[in-house]
Amino acid sequence: MERKVYFIFEQFLTTPFLVFGVGPLLDFIFGKYTRNPSQETEKALEADGRYKILTIFCLPIQLAVVIWGAWVVSYGDLTILEQVGIIFSVGVSSDVLGLSAAHELAHRVNEKFELTLSKILYCTVLYMHFGLEHVVGHHRRVATLEDPATARLGESVYAFLPRSVFGGFNSAWEFEAGRMKQQNKPVWNMRNPMVVALLAPTAVTVLIAAVFGGIGVFYFLAQSFIAIILAEIANYVVHYGLLRKEIAPGKYEPVQYEPVRPWHSWNSSNWLSNHFLFNIQRHSDHHYKPGRRYQILRHYDGSSPRISPKIDLTI
């Protein structure tokens, strides 16, 4: 009986306990890290290939965890509660490990290898369109009412989630469909990344069904759902209530907005969680300079919208 209770705790409670309990506590203990590298140090950090390798190696780890979870849930001698625990644990891991790395790799638009790894990582949670929409849509329209991933002031997370998920997909589809038409190509062809983003996850799901059966498919869909929801909740937080000013009306032309600045995103520089999440909480600098690799993202003291946005952008 004691062993059974321990196993249930281990599989069902350890991951959420560490991520949502111990993690925030350690963030409080370790505090914030607000120092920024000098220009010389920044160049050295950017040239250090070890940071790149860390994101690349997230792919085999993510694949191993997802496949292991499918095997254990489908063929292990587990109770329903234990199966739920595995699903939830893998879903959290897919967000923390898979989607955080995928996000970083998706911004390496001039590095075909890293971009491909990003797509595979997104495929492990059935969210392949997100990387495309994030780069070509979200970063361009962030902090505007045109961006489905920017939460409105006073909007609940329950209202935000379906708009961000489905609105992001529609935005990515419209972008790629327009690009195909400009190239005089049919929308439904394999050179359309959105077609690939539909077919590849479908193929993976069919493969999982063939190997692990219906339980495996349920597991795969459920862990993907958990990872997506956690990622979108983070999206809700980092842009909540922030809007850029309109600098030109949009009666006949698209509305023009002021340039993206650090105060158009919520920022956090918690030392521990940023080390686990590839500095994603330094979100202000990520949107201000989206080409920066994660190891050189900067902290801005004035990036909170409650503080007058007088930030030295030359540091």
Foldseek 3Di string as FASTA:
>chain_A
DVVVVVLLCVQAPPQCCVPVPVVVVVLVVQDFDADADDPVVQVVVVPDCVLVVQLLVLLVVLVVLLVVLLCCLQPNPDDPSSNVSSLLNNLVCLQLRLQLSLLLLLLPVVDVVSNVSSQSSCLLLLRNLQSVLVVPPCLVQAQAPLQLLAAAAPDDLVVSVVSNRVVSLVVSLVVLCVVCVVVVHHSPDPVRVSNVSVPVSVVVLVVSCVVRNPSSSVSSNSSSVSSSSVVSVVSHQFQYNGHFDFPDDPPPHDTHTDQQALLRTQAGRRPPSCVSSLNCRLVSQCSVCVNRGSVRRHHWPQNHPVHPPPTDPPD
